[in-house]
mmCIF file of all heavy atoms, coordinates in Angstrom:
data_MODEL
# 
_entry.id   MODEL 
# 
loop_
_atom_site.group_PDB 
_atom_site.id 
_atom_site.type_symbol 
_atom_site.label_atom_id 
_atom_site.label_alt_id 
_atom_site.label_comp_id 
_atom_site.label_asym_id 
_atom_site.label_entity_id 
_atom_site.label_seq_id 
_atom_site.pdbx_PDB_ins_code 
_atom_site.Cartn_x 
_atom_site.Cartn_y 
_atom_site.Cartn_z 
_atom_site.occupancy 
_atom_site.B_iso_or_equiv 
_atom_site.pdbx_formal_charge 
_atom_site.auth_seq_id 
_atom_site.auth_comp_id 
_atom_site.auth_asym_id 
_atom_site.auth_atom_id 
_atom_site.pdbx_PDB_model_num 
ATOM 1   N N   . ASP A 1 1  ? -109.321 120.210 -85.848  1.00 0.00 ? 1  ASP A N   1 
ATOM 2   C CA  . ASP A 1 1  ? -110.485 120.899 -85.291  1.00 0.00 ? 1  ASP A CA  1 
ATOM 3   C C   . ASP A 1 1  ? -111.311 121.560 -86.383  1.00 0.00 ? 1  ASP A C   1 
ATOM 4   O O   . ASP A 1 1  ? -112.557 121.590 -86.310  1.00 0.00 ? 1  ASP A O   1 
ATOM 5   C CB  . ASP A 1 1  ? -110.043 121.955 -84.274  1.00 0.00 ? 1  ASP A CB  1 
ATOM 6   C CG  . ASP A 1 1  ? -109.456 121.340 -83.013  1.00 0.00 ? 1  ASP A CG  1 
ATOM 7   O OD1 . ASP A 1 1  ? -109.798 120.184 -82.708  1.00 0.00 ? 1  ASP A OD1 1 
ATOM 8   O OD2 . ASP A 1 1  ? -108.652 122.015 -82.339  1.00 0.00 ? 1  ASP A OD2 1 
ATOM 9   N N   . ILE A 1 2  ? -110.649 122.085 -87.405  1.00 0.00 ? 2  ILE A N   1 
ATOM 10  C CA  . ILE A 1 2  ? -111.365 122.711 -88.515  1.00 0.00 ? 2  ILE A CA  1 
ATOM 11  C C   . ILE A 1 2  ? -112.177 121.669 -89.278  1.00 0.00 ? 2  ILE A C   1 
ATOM 12  O O   . ILE A 1 2  ? -113.331 121.900 -89.654  1.00 0.00 ? 2  ILE A O   1 
ATOM 13  C CB  . ILE A 1 2  ? -110.366 123.420 -89.454  1.00 0.00 ? 2  ILE A CB  1 
ATOM 14  C CG1 . ILE A 1 2  ? -109.676 124.565 -88.719  1.00 0.00 ? 2  ILE A CG1 1 
ATOM 15  C CG2 . ILE A 1 2  ? -111.066 123.934 -90.710  1.00 0.00 ? 2  ILE A CG2 1 
ATOM 16  C CD1 . ILE A 1 2  ? -108.541 125.205 -89.489  1.00 0.00 ? 2  ILE A CD1 1 
ATOM 17  N N   . VAL A 1 3  ? -111.586 120.508 -89.498  1.00 0.00 ? 3  VAL A N   1 
ATOM 18  C CA  . VAL A 1 3  ? -112.275 119.437 -90.224  1.00 0.00 ? 3  VAL A CA  1 
ATOM 19  C C   . VAL A 1 3  ? -113.532 118.999 -89.479  1.00 0.00 ? 3  VAL A C   1 
ATOM 20  O O   . VAL A 1 3  ? -114.583 118.739 -90.097  1.00 0.00 ? 3  VAL A O   1 
ATOM 21  C CB  . VAL A 1 3  ? -111.324 118.244 -90.445  1.00 0.00 ? 3  VAL A CB  1 
ATOM 22  C CG1 . VAL A 1 3  ? -112.086 117.020 -90.940  1.00 0.00 ? 3  VAL A CG1 1 
ATOM 23  C CG2 . VAL A 1 3  ? -110.231 118.619 -91.425  1.00 0.00 ? 3  VAL A CG2 1 
ATOM 24  N N   . THR A 1 4  ? -113.453 118.916 -88.163  1.00 0.00 ? 4  THR A N   1 
ATOM 25  C CA  . THR A 1 4  ? -114.596 118.479 -87.363  1.00 0.00 ? 4  THR A CA  1 
ATOM 26  C C   . THR A 1 4  ? -115.820 119.352 -87.596  1.00 0.00 ? 4  THR A C   1 
ATOM 27  O O   . THR A 1 4  ? -116.959 118.862 -87.621  1.00 0.00 ? 4  THR A O   1 
ATOM 28  C CB  . THR A 1 4  ? -114.226 118.487 -85.866  1.00 0.00 ? 4  THR A CB  1 
ATOM 29  O OG1 . THR A 1 4  ? -113.144 117.582 -85.650  1.00 0.00 ? 4  THR A OG1 1 
ATOM 30  C CG2 . THR A 1 4  ? -115.407 118.065 -85.006  1.00 0.00 ? 4  THR A CG2 1 
ATOM 31  N N   . ALA A 1 5  ? -115.601 120.640 -87.786  1.00 0.00 ? 5  ALA A N   1 
ATOM 32  C CA  . ALA A 1 5  ? -116.715 121.578 -87.948  1.00 0.00 ? 5  ALA A CA  1 
ATOM 33  C C   . ALA A 1 5  ? -117.039 121.888 -89.401  1.00 0.00 ? 5  ALA A C   1 
ATOM 34  O O   . ALA A 1 5  ? -117.988 122.622 -89.685  1.00 0.00 ? 5  ALA A O   1 
ATOM 35  C CB  . ALA A 1 5  ? -116.382 122.889 -87.213  1.00 0.00 ? 5  ALA A CB  1 
ATOM 36  N N   . ALA A 1 6  ? -116.276 121.338 -90.341  1.00 0.00 ? 6  ALA A N   1 
ATOM 37  C CA  . ALA A 1 6  ? -116.442 121.690 -91.750  1.00 0.00 ? 6  ALA A CA  1 
ATOM 38  C C   . ALA A 1 6  ? -117.582 120.914 -92.399  1.00 0.00 ? 6  ALA A C   1 
ATOM 39  O O   . ALA A 1 6  ? -117.871 119.772 -92.006  1.00 0.00 ? 6  ALA A O   1 
ATOM 40  C CB  . ALA A 1 6  ? -115.138 121.408 -92.500  1.00 0.00 ? 6  ALA A CB  1 
ATOM 41  N N   . PRO A 1 7  ? -118.247 121.504 -93.398  1.00 0.00 ? 7  PRO A N   1 
ATOM 42  C CA  . PRO A 1 7  ? -119.289 120.768 -94.129  1.00 0.00 ? 7  PRO A CA  1 
ATOM 43  C C   . PRO A 1 7  ? -118.693 119.604 -94.913  1.00 0.00 ? 7  PRO A C   1 
ATOM 44  O O   . PRO A 1 7  ? -117.571 119.705 -95.435  1.00 0.00 ? 7  PRO A O   1 
ATOM 45  C CB  . PRO A 1 7  ? -119.874 121.833 -95.061  1.00 0.00 ? 7  PRO A CB  1 
ATOM 46  C CG  . PRO A 1 7  ? -118.825 122.883 -95.185  1.00 0.00 ? 7  PRO A CG  1 
ATOM 47  C CD  . PRO A 1 7  ? -118.092 122.888 -93.889  1.00 0.00 ? 7  PRO A CD  1 
ATOM 48  N N   . VAL A 1 8  ? -119.430 118.514 -94.984  1.00 0.00 ? 8  VAL A N   1 
ATOM 49  C CA  . VAL A 1 8  ? -118.973 117.299 -95.664  1.00 0.00 ? 8  VAL A CA  1 
ATOM 50  C C   . VAL A 1 8  ? -119.753 117.134 -96.961  1.00 0.00 ? 8  VAL A C   1 
ATOM 51  O O   . VAL A 1 8  ? -120.980 117.297 -96.990  1.00 0.00 ? 8  VAL A O   1 
ATOM 52  C CB  . VAL A 1 8  ? -119.149 116.066 -94.754  1.00 0.00 ? 8  VAL A CB  1 
ATOM 53  C CG1 . VAL A 1 8  ? -118.792 114.786 -95.505  1.00 0.00 ? 8  VAL A CG1 1 
ATOM 54  C CG2 . VAL A 1 8  ? -118.296 116.209 -93.497  1.00 0.00 ? 8  VAL A CG2 1 
ATOM 55  N N   . HIS A 1 9  ? -119.034 116.799 -98.031  1.00 0.00 ? 9  HIS A N   1 
ATOM 56  C CA  . HIS A 1 9  ? -119.655 116.612 -99.338  1.00 0.00 ? 9  HIS A CA  1 
ATOM 57  C C   . HIS A 1 9  ? -119.163 115.318 -99.960  1.00 0.00 ? 9  HIS A C   1 
ATOM 58  O O   . HIS A 1 9  ? -118.130 114.770 -99.555  1.00 0.00 ? 9  HIS A O   1 
ATOM 59  C CB  . HIS A 1 9  ? -119.316 117.780 -100.268 1.00 0.00 ? 9  HIS A CB  1 
ATOM 60  C CG  . HIS A 1 9  ? -119.710 119.118 -99.750  1.00 0.00 ? 9  HIS A CG  1 
ATOM 61  N ND1 . HIS A 1 9  ? -121.008 119.573 -99.738  1.00 0.00 ? 9  HIS A ND1 1 
ATOM 62  C CD2 . HIS A 1 9  ? -118.959 120.123 -99.210  1.00 0.00 ? 9  HIS A CD2 1 
ATOM 63  C CE1 . HIS A 1 9  ? -121.064 120.794 -99.233  1.00 0.00 ? 9  HIS A CE1 1 
ATOM 64  N NE2 . HIS A 1 9  ? -119.832 121.148 -98.893  1.00 0.00 ? 9  HIS A NE2 1 
ATOM 65  N N   . GLU A 1 10 ? -119.895 114.857 -100.965 1.00 0.00 ? 10 GLU A N   1 
ATOM 66  C CA  . GLU A 1 10 ? -119.455 113.708 -101.743 1.00 0.00 ? 10 GLU A CA  1 
ATOM 67  C C   . GLU A 1 10 ? -118.676 114.183 -102.961 1.00 0.00 ? 10 GLU A C   1 
ATOM 68  O O   . GLU A 1 10 ? -118.988 115.221 -103.547 1.00 0.00 ? 10 GLU A O   1 
ATOM 69  C CB  . GLU A 1 10 ? -120.651 112.857 -102.187 1.00 0.00 ? 10 GLU A CB  1 
ATOM 70  C CG  . GLU A 1 10 ? -121.359 112.147 -101.043 1.00 0.00 ? 10 GLU A CG  1 
ATOM 71  C CD  . GLU A 1 10 ? -122.358 111.130 -101.541 1.00 0.00 ? 10 GLU A CD  1 
ATOM 72  O OE1 . GLU A 1 10 ? -122.548 111.051 -102.780 1.00 0.00 ? 10 GLU A OE1 1 
ATOM 73  O OE2 . GLU A 1 10 ? -122.932 110.406 -100.714 1.00 0.00 ? 10 GLU A OE2 1 
ATOM 74  N N   . PHE A 1 11 ? -117.637 113.410 -103.312 1.00 0.00 ? 11 PHE A N   1 
ATOM 75  C CA  . PHE A 1 11 ? -116.893 113.733 -104.513 1.00 0.00 ? 11 PHE A CA  1 
ATOM 76  C C   . PHE A 1 11 ? -117.792 113.601 -105.733 1.00 0.00 ? 11 PHE A C   1 
ATOM 77  O O   . PHE A 1 11 ? -118.622 112.688 -105.835 1.00 0.00 ? 11 PHE A O   1 
ATOM 78  C CB  . PHE A 1 11 ? -115.694 112.785 -104.681 1.00 0.00 ? 11 PHE A CB  1 
ATOM 79  C CG  . PHE A 1 11 ? -114.574 113.047 -103.717 1.00 0.00 ? 11 PHE A CG  1 
ATOM 80  C CD1 . PHE A 1 11 ? -114.336 112.161 -102.666 1.00 0.00 ? 11 PHE A CD1 1 
ATOM 81  C CD2 . PHE A 1 11 ? -113.761 114.151 -103.863 1.00 0.00 ? 11 PHE A CD2 1 
ATOM 82  C CE1 . PHE A 1 11 ? -113.284 112.385 -101.781 1.00 0.00 ? 11 PHE A CE1 1 
ATOM 83  C CE2 . PHE A 1 11 ? -112.714 114.386 -102.985 1.00 0.00 ? 11 PHE A CE2 1 
ATOM 84  C CZ  . PHE A 1 11 ? -112.475 113.503 -101.938 1.00 0.00 ? 11 PHE A CZ  1 
ATOM 85  N N   . GLY A 1 12 ? -117.633 114.513 -106.677 1.00 0.00 ? 12 GLY A N   1 
ATOM 86  C CA  . GLY A 1 12 ? -118.336 114.450 -107.950 1.00 0.00 ? 12 GLY A CA  1 
ATOM 87  C C   . GLY A 1 12 ? -117.337 114.408 -109.073 1.00 0.00 ? 12 GLY A C   1 
ATOM 88  O O   . GLY A 1 12 ? -116.284 113.776 -108.979 1.00 0.00 ? 12 GLY A O   1 
ATOM 89  N N   . ASP A 1 13 ? -117.660 115.136 -110.159 1.00 0.00 ? 13 ASP A N   1 
ATOM 90  C CA  . ASP A 1 13 ? -116.768 115.150 -111.313 1.00 0.00 ? 13 ASP A CA  1 
ATOM 91  C C   . ASP A 1 13 ? -115.902 116.405 -111.344 1.00 0.00 ? 13 ASP A C   1 
ATOM 92  O O   . ASP A 1 13 ? -115.313 116.733 -112.374 1.00 0.00 ? 13 ASP A O   1 
ATOM 93  C CB  . ASP A 1 13 ? -117.564 115.026 -112.602 1.00 0.00 ? 13 ASP A CB  1 
ATOM 94  C CG  . ASP A 1 13 ? -118.608 116.133 -112.758 1.00 0.00 ? 13 ASP A CG  1 
ATOM 95  O OD1 . ASP A 1 13 ? -118.696 117.009 -111.866 1.00 0.00 ? 13 ASP A OD1 1 
ATOM 96  O OD2 . ASP A 1 13 ? -119.323 116.124 -113.780 1.00 0.00 ? 13 ASP A OD2 1 
ATOM 97  N N   . GLU A 1 14 ? -115.809 117.099 -110.226 1.00 0.00 ? 14 GLU A N   1 
ATOM 98  C CA  . GLU A 1 14 ? -115.016 118.313 -110.160 1.00 0.00 ? 14 GLU A CA  1 
ATOM 99  C C   . GLU A 1 14 ? -113.534 118.007 -110.337 1.00 0.00 ? 14 GLU A C   1 
ATOM 100 O O   . GLU A 1 14 ? -113.031 116.988 -109.866 1.00 0.00 ? 14 GLU A O   1 
ATOM 101 C CB  . GLU A 1 14 ? -115.244 119.000 -108.812 1.00 0.00 ? 14 GLU A CB  1 
ATOM 102 C CG  . GLU A 1 14 ? -114.704 120.406 -108.731 1.00 0.00 ? 14 GLU A CG  1 
ATOM 103 C CD  . GLU A 1 14 ? -115.170 121.129 -107.470 1.00 0.00 ? 14 GLU A CD  1 
ATOM 104 O OE1 . GLU A 1 14 ? -115.612 120.454 -106.514 1.00 0.00 ? 14 GLU A OE1 1 
ATOM 105 O OE2 . GLU A 1 14 ? -115.084 122.364 -107.444 1.00 0.00 ? 14 GLU A OE2 1 
ATOM 106 N N   . ARG A 1 15 ? -112.841 118.918 -111.023 1.00 0.00 ? 15 ARG A N   1 
ATOM 107 C CA  . ARG A 1 15 ? -111.403 118.745 -111.247 1.00 0.00 ? 15 ARG A CA  1 
ATOM 108 C C   . ARG A 1 15 ? -110.650 118.646 -109.925 1.00 0.00 ? 15 ARG A C   1 
ATOM 109 O O   . ARG A 1 15 ? -110.922 119.380 -108.978 1.00 0.00 ? 15 ARG A O   1 
ATOM 110 C CB  . ARG A 1 15 ? -110.846 119.914 -112.057 1.00 0.00 ? 15 ARG A CB  1 
ATOM 111 C CG  . ARG A 1 15 ? -109.314 119.932 -112.156 1.00 0.00 ? 15 ARG A CG  1 
ATOM 112 C CD  . ARG A 1 15 ? -108.812 121.156 -112.901 1.00 0.00 ? 15 ARG A CD  1 
ATOM 113 N NE  . ARG A 1 15 ? -107.363 121.240 -112.895 1.00 0.00 ? 15 ARG A NE  1 
ATOM 114 C CZ  . ARG A 1 15 ? -106.654 121.898 -111.989 1.00 0.00 ? 15 ARG A CZ  1 
ATOM 115 N NH1 . ARG A 1 15 ? -107.266 122.557 -111.007 1.00 0.00 ? 15 ARG A NH1 1 
ATOM 116 N NH2 . ARG A 1 15 ? -105.334 121.918 -112.056 1.00 0.00 ? 15 ARG A NH2 1 
ATOM 117 N N   . VAL A 1 16 ? -109.674 117.730 -109.889 1.00 0.00 ? 16 VAL A N   1 
ATOM 118 C CA  . VAL A 1 16 ? -108.750 117.617 -108.763 1.00 0.00 ? 16 VAL A CA  1 
ATOM 119 C C   . VAL A 1 16 ? -107.474 118.359 -109.132 1.00 0.00 ? 16 VAL A C   1 
ATOM 120 O O   . VAL A 1 16 ? -106.806 118.020 -110.120 1.00 0.00 ? 16 VAL A O   1 
ATOM 121 C CB  . VAL A 1 16 ? -108.436 116.149 -108.437 1.00 0.00 ? 16 VAL A CB  1 
ATOM 122 C CG1 . VAL A 1 16 ? -107.431 116.053 -107.288 1.00 0.00 ? 16 VAL A CG1 1 
ATOM 123 C CG2 . VAL A 1 16 ? -109.712 115.390 -108.100 1.00 0.00 ? 16 VAL A CG2 1 
ATOM 124 N N   . GLY A 1 17 ? -107.141 119.386 -108.355 1.00 0.00 ? 17 GLY A N   1 
ATOM 125 C CA  . GLY A 1 17 ? -105.919 120.132 -108.603 1.00 0.00 ? 17 GLY A CA  1 
ATOM 126 C C   . GLY A 1 17 ? -104.745 119.535 -107.853 1.00 0.00 ? 17 GLY A C   1 
ATOM 127 O O   . GLY A 1 17 ? -104.882 118.544 -107.121 1.00 0.00 ? 17 GLY A O   1 
ATOM 128 N N   . PRO A 1 18 ? -103.562 120.111 -108.003 1.00 0.00 ? 18 PRO A N   1 
ATOM 129 C CA  . PRO A 1 18 ? -102.438 119.682 -107.170 1.00 0.00 ? 18 PRO A CA  1 
ATOM 130 C C   . PRO A 1 18 ? -102.781 119.938 -105.706 1.00 0.00 ? 18 PRO A C   1 
ATOM 131 O O   . PRO A 1 18 ? -103.473 120.917 -105.392 1.00 0.00 ? 18 PRO A O   1 
ATOM 132 C CB  . PRO A 1 18 ? -101.272 120.553 -107.652 1.00 0.00 ? 18 PRO A CB  1 
ATOM 133 C CG  . PRO A 1 18 ? -101.918 121.733 -108.299 1.00 0.00 ? 18 PRO A CG  1 
ATOM 134 C CD  . PRO A 1 18 ? -103.215 121.259 -108.870 1.00 0.00 ? 18 PRO A CD  1 
ATOM 135 N N   . PRO A 1 19 ? -102.333 119.095 -104.782 1.00 0.00 ? 19 PRO A N   1 
ATOM 136 C CA  . PRO A 1 19 ? -102.769 119.227 -103.389 1.00 0.00 ? 19 PRO A CA  1 
ATOM 137 C C   . PRO A 1 19 ? -102.146 120.396 -102.637 1.00 0.00 ? 19 PRO A C   1 
ATOM 138 O O   . PRO A 1 19 ? -102.552 120.681 -101.520 1.00 0.00 ? 19 PRO A O   1 
ATOM 139 C CB  . PRO A 1 19 ? -102.367 117.891 -102.760 1.00 0.00 ? 19 PRO A CB  1 
ATOM 140 C CG  . PRO A 1 19 ? -101.240 117.409 -103.600 1.00 0.00 ? 19 PRO A CG  1 
ATOM 141 C CD  . PRO A 1 19 ? -101.527 117.887 -104.991 1.00 0.00 ? 19 PRO A CD  1 
ATOM 142 N N   . ILE A 1 20 ? -101.154 121.056 -103.232 1.00 0.00 ? 20 ILE A N   1 
ATOM 143 C CA  . ILE A 1 20 ? -100.585 122.264 -102.649 1.00 0.00 ? 20 ILE A CA  1 
ATOM 144 C C   . ILE A 1 20 ? -100.634 123.371 -103.694 1.00 0.00 ? 20 ILE A C   1 
ATOM 145 O O   . ILE A 1 20 ? -100.654 123.111 -104.899 1.00 0.00 ? 20 ILE A O   1 
ATOM 146 C CB  . ILE A 1 20 ? -99.129  122.065 -102.178 1.00 0.00 ? 20 ILE A CB  1 
ATOM 147 C CG1 . ILE A 1 20 ? -98.239  121.600 -103.333 1.00 0.00 ? 20 ILE A CG1 1 
ATOM 148 C CG2 . ILE A 1 20 ? -99.071  121.087 -101.001 1.00 0.00 ? 20 ILE A CG2 1 
ATOM 149 C CD1 . ILE A 1 20 ? -96.759  121.554 -103.007 1.00 0.00 ? 20 ILE A CD1 1 
ATOM 150 N N   . ALA A 1 21 ? -100.683 124.616 -103.210 1.00 0.00 ? 21 ALA A N   1 
ATOM 151 C CA  . ALA A 1 21 ? -100.606 125.750 -104.117 1.00 0.00 ? 21 ALA A CA  1 
ATOM 152 C C   . ALA A 1 21 ? -99.203  125.843 -104.713 1.00 0.00 ? 21 ALA A C   1 
ATOM 153 O O   . ALA A 1 21 ? -98.273  125.172 -104.248 1.00 0.00 ? 21 ALA A O   1 
ATOM 154 C CB  . ALA A 1 21 ? -100.953 127.029 -103.361 1.00 0.00 ? 21 ALA A CB  1 
ATOM 155 N N   . ARG A 1 22 ? -99.062  126.684 -105.731 1.00 0.00 ? 22 ARG A N   1 
ATOM 156 C CA  . ARG A 1 22 ? -97.751  126.814 -106.365 1.00 0.00 ? 22 ARG A CA  1 
ATOM 157 C C   . ARG A 1 22 ? -96.682  127.105 -105.321 1.00 0.00 ? 22 ARG A C   1 
ATOM 158 O O   . ARG A 1 22 ? -96.775  128.086 -104.580 1.00 0.00 ? 22 ARG A O   1 
ATOM 159 C CB  . ARG A 1 22 ? -97.762  127.928 -107.409 1.00 0.00 ? 22 ARG A CB  1 
ATOM 160 C CG  . ARG A 1 22 ? -96.417  128.052 -108.143 1.00 0.00 ? 22 ARG A CG  1 
ATOM 161 C CD  . ARG A 1 22 ? -96.370  129.228 -109.087 1.00 0.00 ? 22 ARG A CD  1 
ATOM 162 N NE  . ARG A 1 22 ? -97.338  129.079 -110.178 1.00 0.00 ? 22 ARG A NE  1 
ATOM 163 C CZ  . ARG A 1 22 ? -97.399  129.913 -111.219 1.00 0.00 ? 22 ARG A CZ  1 
ATOM 164 N NH1 . ARG A 1 22 ? -96.560  130.952 -111.286 1.00 0.00 ? 22 ARG A NH1 1 
ATOM 165 N NH2 . ARG A 1 22 ? -98.301  129.730 -112.165 1.00 0.00 ? 22 ARG A NH2 1 
ATOM 166 N N   . PRO A 1 23 ? -95.649  126.268 -105.245 1.00 0.00 ? 23 PRO A N   1 
ATOM 167 C CA  . PRO A 1 23 ? -94.640  126.436 -104.201 1.00 0.00 ? 23 PRO A CA  1 
ATOM 168 C C   . PRO A 1 23 ? -93.625  127.524 -104.543 1.00 0.00 ? 23 PRO A C   1 
ATOM 169 O O   . PRO A 1 23 ? -93.501  127.951 -105.700 1.00 0.00 ? 23 PRO A O   1 
ATOM 170 C CB  . PRO A 1 23 ? -93.962  125.061 -104.136 1.00 0.00 ? 23 PRO A CB  1 
ATOM 171 C CG  . PRO A 1 23 ? -94.099  124.537 -105.531 1.00 0.00 ? 23 PRO A CG  1 
ATOM 172 C CD  . PRO A 1 23 ? -95.422  125.051 -106.042 1.00 0.00 ? 23 PRO A CD  1 
ATOM 173 N N   . HIS A 1 24 ? -92.890  127.919 -103.527 1.00 0.00 ? 24 HIS A N   1 
ATOM 174 C CA  . HIS A 1 24 ? -91.772  128.851 -103.708 1.00 0.00 ? 24 HIS A CA  1 
ATOM 175 C C   . HIS A 1 24 ? -90.727  128.261 -104.645 1.00 0.00 ? 24 HIS A C   1 
ATOM 176 O O   . HIS A 1 24 ? -90.155  128.960 -105.471 1.00 0.00 ? 24 HIS A O   1 
ATOM 177 C CB  . HIS A 1 24 ? -91.179  129.167 -102.327 1.00 0.00 ? 24 HIS A CB  1 
ATOM 178 C CG  . HIS A 1 24 ? -89.804  129.731 -102.330 1.00 0.00 ? 24 HIS A CG  1 
ATOM 179 N ND1 . HIS A 1 24 ? -88.696  128.983 -101.975 1.00 0.00 ? 24 HIS A ND1 1 
ATOM 180 C CD2 . HIS A 1 24 ? -89.329  130.954 -102.656 1.00 0.00 ? 24 HIS A CD2 1 
ATOM 181 C CE1 . HIS A 1 24 ? -87.606  129.734 -102.067 1.00 0.00 ? 24 HIS A CE1 1 
ATOM 182 N NE2 . HIS A 1 24 ? -87.958  130.926 -102.475 1.00 0.00 ? 24 HIS A NE2 1 
# 
């Protein structure tokens, strides 16, 4: 539901981080 209402952008040259925050 959040994705449905979220703004959509095109990928650029922005850094891709790890897909999860630092885990326990």
